[in-house]
Protein backbone atom coordinates (compact mmCIF):
# COMPACT_ATOMS: atom_id res chain seq x y z
CA MET A 1 29.30 81.84 51.00
CA VAL A 2 28.65 79.68 53.95
CA MET A 3 31.22 76.95 52.78
CA LEU A 4 33.73 79.79 52.16
CA ALA A 5 33.05 81.33 55.58
CA ILE A 6 33.62 77.91 57.07
CA LEU A 7 36.90 77.19 55.26
CA ILE A 8 38.13 80.59 56.48
CA LEU A 9 37.27 80.05 59.84
CA GLY A 10 38.81 76.52 59.78
CA ALA A 11 42.03 77.96 58.19
CA ALA A 12 42.06 80.92 60.93
CA TRP A 13 41.66 78.21 63.73
CA TRP A 14 44.64 75.91 62.45
CA ALA A 15 46.84 78.88 61.90
CA VAL A 16 46.17 80.13 65.72
CA THR A 17 46.74 76.58 67.10
CA ALA A 18 49.93 76.02 65.17
CA LEU A 19 51.28 79.26 66.09
CA SER A 20 50.39 78.79 69.77
CA THR A 21 52.10 75.26 69.82
CA PRO A 22 55.75 75.54 70.51
CA VAL A 23 58.11 73.79 67.82
CA ASP A 24 60.90 71.94 69.15
CA ARG A 25 63.26 72.64 66.32
CA THR A 26 66.43 71.34 67.96
CA ALA A 27 64.99 67.94 68.51
CA SER A 28 63.75 67.65 64.77
CA GLU A 29 67.20 68.59 63.58
CA ARG A 30 68.81 66.23 65.97
CA VAL A 31 66.38 63.48 64.65
CA HIS A 32 67.55 64.15 61.01
CA ASN A 33 71.26 64.18 61.92
CA ALA A 34 71.00 60.91 64.00
CA ARG A 35 69.34 59.15 60.93
CA ILE A 36 72.15 60.42 58.31
CA LEU A 37 74.96 59.60 61.01
CA GLN A 38 73.75 56.13 61.38
CA GLU A 39 73.34 55.67 57.76
CA ALA A 40 76.89 56.83 57.22
CA LYS A 41 78.43 54.59 59.88
CA SER A 42 76.63 51.55 58.40
CA ALA A 43 78.21 52.56 54.96
CA LEU A 44 81.46 52.73 56.56
CA ILE A 45 81.35 49.33 58.29
CA GLY A 46 80.15 47.78 54.93
CA TYR A 47 82.78 49.41 53.01
CA VAL A 48 85.64 48.34 55.35
CA ALA A 49 84.37 44.64 55.35
CA HIS A 50 84.01 44.73 51.56
CA THR A 51 87.51 46.08 50.81
CA ALA A 52 89.05 43.45 53.35
CA ALA A 53 87.48 40.79 51.64
CA MET A 54 89.15 41.71 48.28
CA THR A 55 91.92 39.77 46.94
CA GLY A 56 94.99 42.14 46.38
CA GLU A 57 93.89 44.51 49.33
CA ASP A 58 97.36 44.55 51.31
CA ASP A 59 95.83 46.24 54.35
CA PRO A 60 92.40 44.41 54.98
CA GLY A 61 90.31 46.35 57.77
CA ARG A 62 92.00 50.01 56.96
CA LEU A 63 89.61 52.94 56.98
CA PRO A 64 89.62 55.53 54.24
CA CYS A 65 91.05 58.74 55.11
CA PRO A 66 88.86 61.95 54.92
CA GLU A 67 88.73 63.61 51.65
CA ALA A 68 91.47 66.08 50.78
CA PHE A 69 90.64 69.62 51.57
CA GLY A 70 91.87 70.55 48.32
CA SER A 71 89.20 68.22 46.56
CA ILE A 72 86.36 70.16 47.96
CA GLY A 73 84.44 71.82 45.30
CA GLY A 74 86.39 69.78 42.54
CA LEU A 75 85.97 66.64 40.55
CA ASN A 76 87.61 64.47 43.33
CA GLU A 77 85.13 65.84 46.05
CA GLY A 78 83.99 63.09 48.23
CA ARG A 79 87.02 60.86 47.38
CA ALA A 80 89.13 59.83 50.24
CA ASN A 81 92.67 60.89 50.21
CA GLY A 82 95.25 57.98 49.76
CA ASN A 83 96.93 58.63 53.19
CA CYS A 84 96.63 61.02 56.08
CA THR A 85 98.23 62.43 59.24
CA LEU A 86 96.66 60.42 62.24
CA PRO A 87 94.78 61.15 63.99
CA ALA A 88 92.94 62.50 60.85
CA VAL A 89 90.21 64.96 60.93
CA GLY A 90 88.20 66.04 57.45
CA ARG A 91 85.21 65.71 55.76
CA LEU A 92 83.71 62.38 55.25
CA PRO A 93 84.55 60.64 51.88
CA TRP A 94 80.96 60.16 50.73
CA ARG A 95 81.76 59.28 47.18
CA THR A 96 84.29 56.60 48.32
CA LEU A 97 81.72 55.28 50.63
CA GLY A 98 79.16 55.08 47.84
CA LEU A 99 76.88 57.59 49.44
CA ASP A 100 75.14 61.02 48.18
CA LYS A 101 76.64 64.09 49.66
CA TRP A 102 74.68 64.01 52.82
CA ARG A 103 74.14 67.45 54.73
CA ASP A 104 73.27 67.88 58.37
CA ALA A 105 70.19 70.05 59.44
CA SER A 106 72.28 73.20 59.00
CA GLY A 107 73.22 72.33 55.54
CA GLU A 108 76.61 71.21 56.28
CA PRO A 109 78.39 67.95 55.00
CA LEU A 110 79.27 65.38 57.54
CA TRP A 111 82.77 65.38 59.00
CA TYR A 112 84.80 62.29 59.90
CA VAL A 113 87.77 61.34 62.29
CA VAL A 114 89.99 58.35 61.91
CA SER A 115 92.01 56.63 64.63
CA PRO A 116 95.86 55.85 64.62
CA ALA A 117 96.62 52.51 63.15
CA TRP A 118 93.41 52.44 61.31
CA ALA A 119 94.53 54.06 57.97
CA LEU A 120 97.45 54.52 55.64
CA SER A 121 99.59 57.11 57.36
CA ASN A 122 101.45 59.73 55.26
CA SER A 123 104.26 59.80 57.67
CA THR A 124 107.68 59.02 56.56
CA VAL A 125 108.41 57.19 59.87
CA PRO A 126 107.49 53.34 60.08
CA PRO A 127 105.15 51.98 60.51
CA LEU A 128 103.63 52.97 57.23
CA THR A 129 101.04 50.32 56.70
CA THR A 130 98.24 49.18 59.13
CA TYR A 131 98.59 46.43 61.51
CA ILE A 132 95.12 45.36 62.12
CA ASN A 133 93.69 42.04 63.66
CA SER A 134 91.18 40.98 66.40
CA ASN A 135 93.38 42.44 69.05
CA THR A 136 93.69 45.90 67.35
CA THR A 137 91.92 48.52 69.26
CA GLY A 138 90.70 52.03 68.46
CA GLN A 139 92.96 54.73 69.84
CA LEU A 140 90.42 57.69 70.11
CA THR A 141 88.23 58.24 72.91
CA LEU A 142 84.82 59.85 73.14
CA ASP A 143 83.69 61.44 76.44
CA GLY A 144 86.44 59.19 77.82
CA ARG A 145 85.12 56.02 76.36
CA ALA A 146 87.93 53.76 74.67
CA ASP A 147 88.43 51.61 71.65
CA VAL A 148 87.04 54.23 69.11
CA VAL A 149 88.15 53.55 65.74
CA ALA A 150 86.43 56.39 63.95
CA LEU A 151 83.86 59.26 64.50
CA ILE A 152 81.28 60.64 62.10
CA ILE A 153 80.23 64.42 63.07
CA ALA A 154 77.36 66.56 62.13
CA PRO A 155 78.95 70.01 62.60
CA GLY A 156 75.71 72.00 62.98
CA ARG A 157 75.45 75.89 62.44
CA PRO A 158 78.55 78.12 63.04
CA LEU A 159 78.65 79.46 66.64
CA GLN A 160 80.36 82.26 68.65
CA ILE A 161 82.21 80.00 71.00
CA SER A 162 82.88 81.54 74.36
CA ALA A 163 86.00 80.73 76.52
CA SER A 164 85.40 77.99 78.97
CA ALA A 165 86.84 74.77 80.27
CA GLY A 166 87.71 72.89 77.00
CA CYS A 167 86.69 75.45 74.69
CA THR A 168 88.77 78.22 73.19
CA ALA A 169 87.16 81.46 72.21
CA ARG A 170 86.30 81.83 68.41
CA VAL A 171 83.77 83.15 65.98
CA GLN A 172 83.31 80.51 63.56
CA ARG A 173 83.25 81.78 59.83
CA ARG A 174 82.56 79.61 57.06
CA SER A 175 83.56 81.00 53.60
CA THR A 176 83.81 79.04 50.41
CA PRO A 177 85.71 75.83 51.14
CA SER A 178 89.05 75.76 50.07
CA PRO A 179 92.49 74.05 50.73
CA THR A 180 92.80 76.43 53.91
CA ILE A 181 89.51 75.18 55.26
CA ASP A 182 89.96 75.23 59.16
CA LEU A 183 88.30 72.59 61.17
CA ARG A 184 88.06 75.03 63.95
CA ASP A 185 85.13 76.84 61.97
CA TYR A 186 83.19 73.55 61.90
CA LEU A 187 83.73 71.45 64.89
CA ASP A 188 83.60 72.75 68.56
CA CYS A 189 85.41 72.98 71.73
CA GLU A 190 87.46 69.78 72.51
CA ASN A 191 86.69 68.41 68.93
CA ALA A 192 88.34 71.43 67.28
CA THR A 193 91.94 70.73 68.76
CA LEU A 194 94.61 71.78 66.26
CA PRO A 195 96.65 69.76 65.59
CA ALA A 196 94.22 66.91 66.11
CA ASP A 197 94.49 64.75 69.38
CA ALA A 198 92.69 61.52 70.08
CA ALA A 199 90.13 62.90 72.69
CA PHE A 200 86.75 63.86 71.59
CA VAL A 201 83.50 64.71 73.15
CA SER A 202 79.93 64.69 72.53
CA THR A 203 78.64 67.50 74.92
CA ALA A 204 80.10 70.73 75.98
CA PRO A 205 78.61 74.08 77.09
CA ALA A 206 75.29 74.51 75.00
CA ASP A 207 76.23 78.15 73.64
CA SER A 208 79.55 76.87 72.61
CA PHE A 209 78.76 73.34 71.23
CA ASN A 210 76.44 71.75 68.80
CA ASP A 211 78.60 68.81 67.24
CA GLN A 212 76.47 65.82 67.09
CA VAL A 213 78.82 62.83 67.30
CA LEU A 214 78.40 59.18 66.57
CA ALA A 215 81.34 56.60 67.41
CA VAL A 216 82.59 53.59 65.39
CA THR A 217 84.11 51.01 67.94
CA GLY A 218 86.42 48.11 67.27
CA ALA A 219 83.71 45.82 68.44
CA GLU A 220 81.48 47.15 66.02
CA ILE A 221 84.00 47.25 62.97
CA LEU A 222 85.88 43.87 63.48
CA PRO A 223 83.39 41.28 63.15
CA GLY A 224 82.90 42.23 59.43
CA ILE A 225 86.84 42.37 58.92
CA GLU A 226 87.24 39.02 60.76
CA ALA A 227 84.64 37.45 58.23
CA ALA A 228 86.52 38.90 55.46
CA VAL A 229 89.92 37.55 56.34
CA ALA A 230 88.44 34.14 56.91
CA SER A 231 87.10 34.04 53.51
CA ARG A 232 90.24 35.38 52.04
CA PHE A 233 92.15 32.44 54.12
CA GLU A 234 89.95 29.81 52.48
CA ARG A 235 90.56 31.34 49.04
CA GLN A 236 94.29 32.12 49.28
CA PHE A 237 95.93 30.16 52.17
CA ALA A 238 93.68 26.90 52.37
CA PRO A 239 94.55 25.63 48.76
CA GLN A 240 98.23 25.98 49.56
CA ILE A 241 98.29 24.31 52.80
CA ARG A 242 96.24 21.34 51.72
CA THR A 243 98.65 20.67 48.91
CA ALA A 244 101.81 21.02 50.85
CA TYR A 245 102.14 17.18 51.39
CA SER A 246 99.44 15.66 49.05
CA THR A 247 100.47 16.67 45.59
CA GLY A 248 103.26 16.76 42.98
CA SER A 249 106.04 14.65 44.37
CA TRP A 250 104.29 13.72 47.70
CA PRO A 251 102.05 10.69 48.00
CA ALA A 252 98.53 11.17 46.74
CA ASN A 253 96.92 10.71 50.16
CA PRO A 254 96.17 14.07 51.74
CA ALA A 255 98.07 15.12 54.74
CA LEU A 256 98.00 18.20 57.01
CA PRO A 257 100.82 19.17 59.22
CA PHE A 258 100.69 18.56 63.22
CA ALA A 259 99.94 21.72 65.11
CA ALA A 260 102.27 24.06 67.10
CA PRO A 261 101.60 23.70 70.83
CA PHE A 262 99.19 26.47 72.09
CA GLY A 263 100.59 29.10 74.06
CA ASN A 264 101.65 32.92 73.90
CA PRO A 265 101.27 33.47 70.38
CA ALA A 266 103.42 36.69 70.64
CA THR A 267 106.42 34.83 71.65
CA SER A 268 105.78 31.40 70.10
CA ASN A 269 108.03 29.77 67.64
CA PHE A 270 105.17 28.27 65.78
CA LYS A 271 106.98 24.82 65.39
CA GLY A 272 104.70 21.77 65.02
CA ALA A 273 104.73 18.82 67.49
CA ALA A 274 104.14 15.03 67.01
CA ALA A 275 100.65 14.17 67.70
CA ALA A 276 99.50 17.75 68.37
CA PHE A 277 96.03 18.03 66.45
CA GLY A 278 95.20 21.44 67.72
CA GLY A 279 96.95 24.67 68.61
CA LEU A 280 98.68 27.28 66.55
CA LEU A 281 99.55 27.03 62.76
CA PRO A 282 102.71 25.45 62.04
CA LEU A 283 104.62 28.45 60.55
CA SER A 284 108.22 28.13 61.39
CA PHE A 285 110.41 28.95 58.50
CA SER A 286 114.22 28.44 57.55
CA GLU A 287 114.94 30.69 54.75
CA THR A 288 115.00 34.47 54.04
CA THR A 289 112.60 33.74 51.12
CA PRO A 290 111.27 30.27 50.24
CA GLY A 291 113.78 28.54 47.94
CA SER A 292 116.56 31.19 48.32
CA GLY A 293 118.77 28.76 50.27
CA VAL A 294 119.83 31.55 52.61
CA GLY A 295 119.30 30.77 56.21
CA CYS A 296 116.75 33.22 57.86
CA ASP A 297 119.09 33.72 60.68
CA THR A 298 120.79 36.40 58.33
CA LEU A 299 117.83 38.47 58.57
CA ALA A 300 117.98 41.54 60.45
CA THR A 301 115.10 40.66 62.69
CA PRO A 302 114.52 37.03 62.15
CA GLY A 303 111.94 36.57 64.98
CA PRO A 304 111.02 33.47 66.99
CA ARG A 305 109.51 31.82 63.80
CA CYS A 306 112.98 31.36 62.32
CA ASP A 307 114.77 28.20 62.56
CA PRO A 308 117.13 27.09 59.88
CA THR A 309 117.74 23.71 61.37
CA PHE A 310 114.38 22.74 62.66
CA VAL A 311 113.79 20.69 59.54
CA ALA A 312 116.88 18.57 59.62
CA TRP A 313 118.73 15.59 58.15
CA THR A 314 119.10 12.59 60.20
CA GLY A 315 120.31 9.98 57.82
CA ALA A 316 121.23 9.03 54.34
CA SER A 317 122.37 6.35 51.93
CA MET A 318 123.57 6.52 48.20
CA SER A 319 123.45 3.85 45.79
CA GLY A 320 123.75 3.47 41.84
CA PRO A 321 124.86 1.11 39.17
CA GLN A 322 128.15 2.93 38.73
CA VAL A 323 128.61 3.54 42.45
CA LEU A 324 130.98 0.93 43.92
CA SER A 325 130.68 1.77 47.60
CA ALA A 326 129.36 5.00 49.24
CA THR A 327 129.39 6.30 52.72
CA CYS A 328 127.22 9.32 53.87
CA THR A 329 127.34 11.52 56.81
CA THR A 330 124.73 14.11 57.87
CA THR A 331 124.30 17.32 59.72
CA ALA A 332 121.34 19.11 60.32
CA THR A 333 121.75 21.01 57.07
CA ASP A 334 123.85 18.94 54.80
CA ILE A 335 124.26 15.28 53.60
CA ASP A 336 127.73 14.69 52.59
CA CYS A 337 128.57 11.42 50.62
CA THR A 338 131.84 9.91 49.57
CA TYR A 339 131.71 7.30 46.94
CA TYR A 340 133.85 5.35 44.34
CA ARG A 341 132.97 5.03 40.84
CA ARG A 342 134.20 2.66 38.23
CA CYS A 343 137.03 3.69 35.76
CA ASN A 344 136.98 2.98 32.08
CA PRO A 345 139.33 -0.29 31.76
CA ILE A 346 140.52 1.07 28.39
CA LEU A 347 142.01 4.08 30.12
CA LEU A 348 144.02 1.88 32.49
CA LEU A 349 145.59 4.35 35.05
CA PHE A 350 143.31 7.41 34.33
CA CYS A 351 139.78 7.91 35.07
CA ALA A 352 138.22 10.32 32.78
CA PRO A 353 135.56 12.87 33.84
CA GLY A 354 132.03 11.85 33.46
CA THR A 355 128.64 11.38 35.28
CA VAL A 356 127.43 8.79 37.53
CA SER A 357 123.87 7.89 38.12
CA PHE A 358 122.74 7.71 41.60
CA THR A 359 119.89 7.47 44.04
CA LEU A 360 120.11 9.22 47.40
CA ASN A 361 117.77 8.22 50.22
CA GLY A 362 117.69 10.91 53.10
CA THR A 363 115.56 11.08 56.42
CA ALA A 364 114.48 14.56 57.57
CA ALA A 365 113.06 15.13 60.93
CA ASN A 366 110.10 17.63 61.62
CA VAL A 367 108.96 17.90 58.05
CA GLY A 368 105.33 17.19 59.19
CA MET A 369 105.54 19.69 61.79
CA ALA A 370 106.05 22.62 59.26
CA LEU A 371 105.18 23.57 55.81
CA ARG A 372 107.54 22.43 53.21
CA GLN A 373 107.90 22.02 49.49
CA LEU A 374 110.30 19.72 47.56
CA ASN A 375 112.80 21.74 45.62
CA SER A 376 114.88 19.96 43.07
CA ALA A 377 116.70 23.07 42.12
CA ALA A 378 118.44 23.64 45.18
CA THR A 379 122.01 24.06 44.99
CA MET A 380 123.89 20.83 45.34
CA ASP A 381 127.80 20.27 45.23
CA ASN A 382 128.79 17.89 42.35
CA VAL A 383 125.21 17.01 41.15
CA ALA A 384 124.27 17.86 37.76
CA ALA A 385 121.32 20.22 37.45
CA ALA A 386 119.65 18.60 34.56
CA GLY A 387 117.63 15.41 35.16
CA ARG A 388 117.04 15.56 38.85
CA THR A 389 113.92 14.23 40.34
CA ILE A 390 112.87 14.41 43.90
CA SER A 391 110.11 12.77 45.91
CA GLY A 392 109.02 12.41 49.51
CA VAL A 393 107.03 10.24 51.88
CA LEU A 394 105.78 11.74 55.05
CA ASN A 395 106.06 9.53 57.98
CA SER A 396 103.76 8.96 60.84
CA ASN A 397 106.35 10.46 63.34
CA GLY A 398 106.50 13.80 61.17
CA SER A 399 109.74 12.88 59.71
CA ALA A 400 110.05 12.57 55.81
CA THR A 401 111.83 10.18 53.53
CA ILE A 402 113.38 11.89 50.74
CA THR A 403 114.49 10.10 47.38
CA LEU A 404 116.70 12.15 44.91
CA THR A 405 117.82 10.84 41.63
CA GLY A 406 120.29 12.24 39.37
CA GLN A 407 123.74 12.36 37.79
CA ALA A 408 126.72 12.87 39.86
CA ASN A 409 129.52 15.13 38.21
CA GLY A 410 132.88 12.87 38.16
CA SER A 411 136.37 14.64 37.83
CA ALA A 412 139.47 13.30 36.18
CA GLY A 413 141.92 11.27 38.24
CA ASN A 414 143.97 8.18 38.67
CA GLY A 415 142.61 4.66 38.86
CA ILE A 416 143.13 1.09 37.52
CA GLY A 417 139.93 -0.33 39.02
CA GLY A 418 138.76 -1.46 35.50
CA ILE A 419 141.72 -3.91 35.50
CA LEU A 420 142.01 -5.10 39.10
CA GLY A 421 138.48 -5.23 39.90
CA ASP A 422 136.04 -3.56 42.14
CA ALA A 423 137.23 -5.38 45.42
CA LEU A 424 140.22 -3.20 45.31
CA CYS A 425 138.36 -0.01 45.49
CA GLY A 426 138.25 0.22 49.27
CA LEU A 427 141.91 -0.79 49.81
CA LEU A 428 143.48 1.40 47.18
CA ALA A 429 140.93 4.25 46.62
CA GLY A 430 143.38 6.75 44.94
CA LEU A 431 144.86 4.23 42.40
CA VAL A 432 141.96 1.40 41.80
CA CYS A 433 138.87 3.63 41.52
CA LYS A 434 138.11 7.48 41.53
CA GLN A 435 136.81 8.79 44.85
CA GLU A 436 134.21 11.37 44.48
CA THR A 437 131.96 13.39 46.64
CA ILE A 438 128.43 15.12 46.45
CA SER A 439 126.60 17.32 49.06
CA VAL A 440 122.68 17.69 49.22
CA PRO A 441 121.43 20.62 51.38
CA ILE A 442 118.29 20.38 53.49
CA ARG A 443 117.05 23.27 51.35
CA VAL A 444 115.56 20.50 48.92
CA LEU A 445 113.04 20.82 51.71
CA ALA A 446 112.32 24.47 50.94
CA ASP A 447 109.84 26.76 52.88
CA HIS A 448 106.50 26.86 51.34
CA PRO A 449 105.71 30.10 49.74
CA ILE A 450 102.83 31.01 52.14
CA LEU A 451 105.60 31.33 54.78
CA ASP A 452 107.14 34.23 52.83
CA SER A 453 105.90 37.38 55.04
CA GLY A 454 107.44 39.55 51.90
CA ASP A 455 105.29 37.75 49.27
CA ALA A 456 102.77 40.06 47.71
CA THR A 457 100.12 37.38 47.96
CA TYR A 458 100.71 36.40 51.52
CA ASN A 459 102.41 39.27 53.71
CA TRP A 460 99.03 40.95 54.65
CA PHE A 461 98.40 37.85 56.98
CA PHE A 462 101.43 37.83 58.74
CA ARG A 463 102.24 41.56 58.75
CA ASN A 464 98.80 42.04 60.42
CA ASN A 465 99.55 39.21 62.83
CA TRP A 466 96.45 37.25 62.00
CA HIS A 467 98.53 34.05 62.59
CA GLN A 468 98.76 35.20 66.27
CA VAL A 469 94.73 35.07 66.63
CA SER A 470 94.22 31.84 64.70
CA TYR A 471 93.80 28.53 66.28
CA TYR A 472 94.54 25.43 64.02
CA ALA A 473 92.97 22.06 64.02
CA VAL A 474 93.89 19.09 62.08
CA ALA A 475 91.89 16.04 62.03
CA PRO A 476 93.79 12.96 63.47
CA ASP A 477 92.91 10.97 60.47
CA ILE A 478 94.66 13.35 57.97
CA ALA A 479 97.70 14.15 60.29
CA PRO A 480 100.99 12.65 59.39
CA SER A 481 100.08 9.74 62.00
CA GLY A 482 96.61 9.14 60.57
CA PRO A 483 95.55 6.86 57.87
CA ARG A 484 95.19 9.98 55.60
CA VAL A 485 91.51 9.16 54.68
CA CYS A 486 88.56 10.56 56.57
CA GLY A 487 87.06 8.37 59.18
CA ALA A 488 85.61 8.71 62.49
CA ASN A 489 88.56 11.08 63.53
CA CYS A 490 87.76 13.82 61.00
CA LEU A 491 86.48 17.18 62.23
CA THR A 492 82.94 18.02 62.32
CA VAL A 493 81.66 21.87 62.14
CA ASN A 494 78.29 22.14 63.28
CA PHE A 495 75.77 24.47 61.45
CA ARG A 496 78.18 24.33 58.38
CA ASN A 497 76.89 22.50 55.37
CA PRO A 498 78.33 19.94 55.06
CA SER A 499 79.13 19.71 58.72
CA ALA A 500 81.08 16.21 58.63
CA GLY A 501 84.44 15.33 56.98
CA GLN A 502 86.52 18.43 57.56
CA ARG A 503 90.13 17.66 57.26
CA GLY A 504 91.55 20.75 58.79
CA LEU A 505 90.52 24.51 59.77
CA ILE A 506 91.44 27.56 61.60
CA VAL A 507 89.28 29.38 64.22
CA ILE A 508 89.76 33.33 64.11
CA ALA A 509 89.51 33.99 67.92
CA GLY A 510 87.64 37.35 67.54
CA ARG A 511 87.89 40.07 70.20
CA ASN A 512 88.74 39.14 73.73
CA LEU A 513 85.57 38.41 75.58
CA THR A 514 86.82 36.79 78.74
CA GLY A 515 88.34 40.12 80.52
CA ARG A 516 91.81 38.27 80.79
CA ASN A 517 94.87 40.32 79.83
CA TRP A 518 95.86 37.88 77.36
CA PRO A 519 97.94 36.70 75.43
CA ASP A 520 100.46 35.74 77.94
CA ALA A 521 102.08 32.65 79.06
CA ALA A 522 98.98 31.33 80.77
CA THR A 523 96.99 31.67 77.64
CA THR A 524 94.69 28.67 76.90
CA SER A 525 92.28 27.92 73.99
CA ALA A 526 89.28 28.73 76.43
CA ASP A 527 90.65 32.21 76.47
CA TRP A 528 90.15 32.35 72.74
CA LEU A 529 87.38 30.30 71.72
CA GLU A 530 83.84 29.84 72.82
CA GLY A 531 80.95 27.09 72.93
CA THR A 532 82.25 23.69 71.78
CA ASN A 533 85.21 25.07 70.13
CA PRO A 534 87.79 25.01 72.97
CA GLY A 535 86.71 21.35 73.77
CA GLY A 536 90.01 19.82 72.24
CA ASP A 537 88.22 17.01 70.50
CA VAL A 538 87.00 16.91 66.76
CA THR A 539 83.81 18.97 66.94
CA TYR A 540 83.63 22.71 66.35
CA ALA A 541 80.78 24.93 65.40
CA VAL A 542 80.35 28.25 63.46
CA ARG A 543 77.81 29.29 66.35
CA ASP A 544 76.40 28.37 69.68
CA PRO A 545 72.47 28.64 70.19
CA THR A 546 73.09 29.30 73.82
CA LYS A 547 75.30 32.27 73.35
CA MET A 548 74.89 35.60 71.68
CA MET A 549 76.85 36.59 68.63
CA ARG A 550 79.43 39.07 69.08
CA ARG A 551 78.61 39.48 72.58
CA THR A 552 79.50 35.98 74.15
CA PHE A 553 80.49 34.19 70.90
CA ASN A 554 82.78 35.58 68.03
CA ASP A 555 84.70 32.71 66.62
CA ARG A 556 84.94 32.69 62.81
CA ILE A 557 85.81 29.36 61.26
CA ALA A 558 87.86 29.06 58.06
CA VAL A 559 87.88 25.53 56.52
CA ILE A 560 91.39 24.41 55.09
CA ASP A 561 90.26 21.22 53.56
CA PRO A 562 86.64 20.10 53.28
């Protein structure tokens, strides 16, 4: 009985103490909401980085749309809608993000806002795809703070909102969710603008506002996207770039093209320059699509990278066992050769049609300042399609010597060269030997496939303008002017294993940390890169021990050829 009395007295004391201690329920709810909001934010950032790294993702960096209101309560609940009207406001697509259906302290699922340009739009007016790179900023604001790409919101309990500055009077009523769900019954005041605008708030009059809002900024989400893009560049682009002048009918020694001079990437023509070992990627192009033979200047909007005559013929010669003499003239786009072939002496005054074996040696300028591939299938006048072979040698000044062997198609005509001898060919061309012509276009040096901005494998890189935020470096030993073997002048990338012996790389610049309003005509590599990276020598680094990652150092290095 004594023990029972003690227990009763203790329980009574605990109850009185508990009842007399005020409970801060609001603080407890905010702590709960803050935790699940942060978990949802981490899941969103991770999801975006993961999908950006996936081969086949055409819009790396895009955010998922909110779930469709019509999916609520159905099998697709929690799945992101395929596209949305931006800015988009709806419920968080928890299933797409790999989350449970988390609820805030009031039992409501989380809400979600996506900035324009950061998700796939359902508009019929271009642009219909995303354009995300290191320079892309969020277009939402939270309490006036810019560069917000997404918001995650715990809506709290329904309120009777009073009319005041920024708040429209409304009694929030939440029935069973349906396709007609109204965001104004969940979000409060400025956050409940319909149709949605880009301005959101985290505070308002207490009796009319209980949204708990967490922002996702560009500075927070882009590092993961940049890392994913660097990985995809190494997987998709680097293998193509490093084989452009090193395999097939090119010499076995590896070579990478010269860099384009560094400058304003928004207006650069991306043409390489002799002895330039660092700058922009040499991405000029000449055709509508690689190998088409149609000049890019026929495009509706060719852009500054288009130049059909940058890679140009500068000289040529023609020879062969049946070629008595030949004269070749060149323009930037064509080699035209006039030659005389021996006639069959049995036919006397008549030359029958036939083929003539020949070898043509041509020199083309600026090949090593671009990315080209040999194309024996290019359309050639009076050259048989079968049996052609083409090879090339990249010269130290960036020009290339191209050798084409094949069969020239000879036509029927008059000639008595078989009787009177070859010496008369130059004097009596119309009678002694048959005069023929061939024409070889510069398109035998076709654009490399990675230059095709419409290619399904590569278009994401150009459409999102990643080439405008990528610094290119080629080792002097591996450039056209080098010995093509790594020695003292190959690149070193500190804090990468192995660090030495890198033949070429790009550095994705990351977000602007300098405060300068670049890119512009005065842009230098120091505006893009940090630490040792803008030094202009052969030493680079994936980090700098003296600088803070993401705050004072945010370069991402992708090696083209290790």
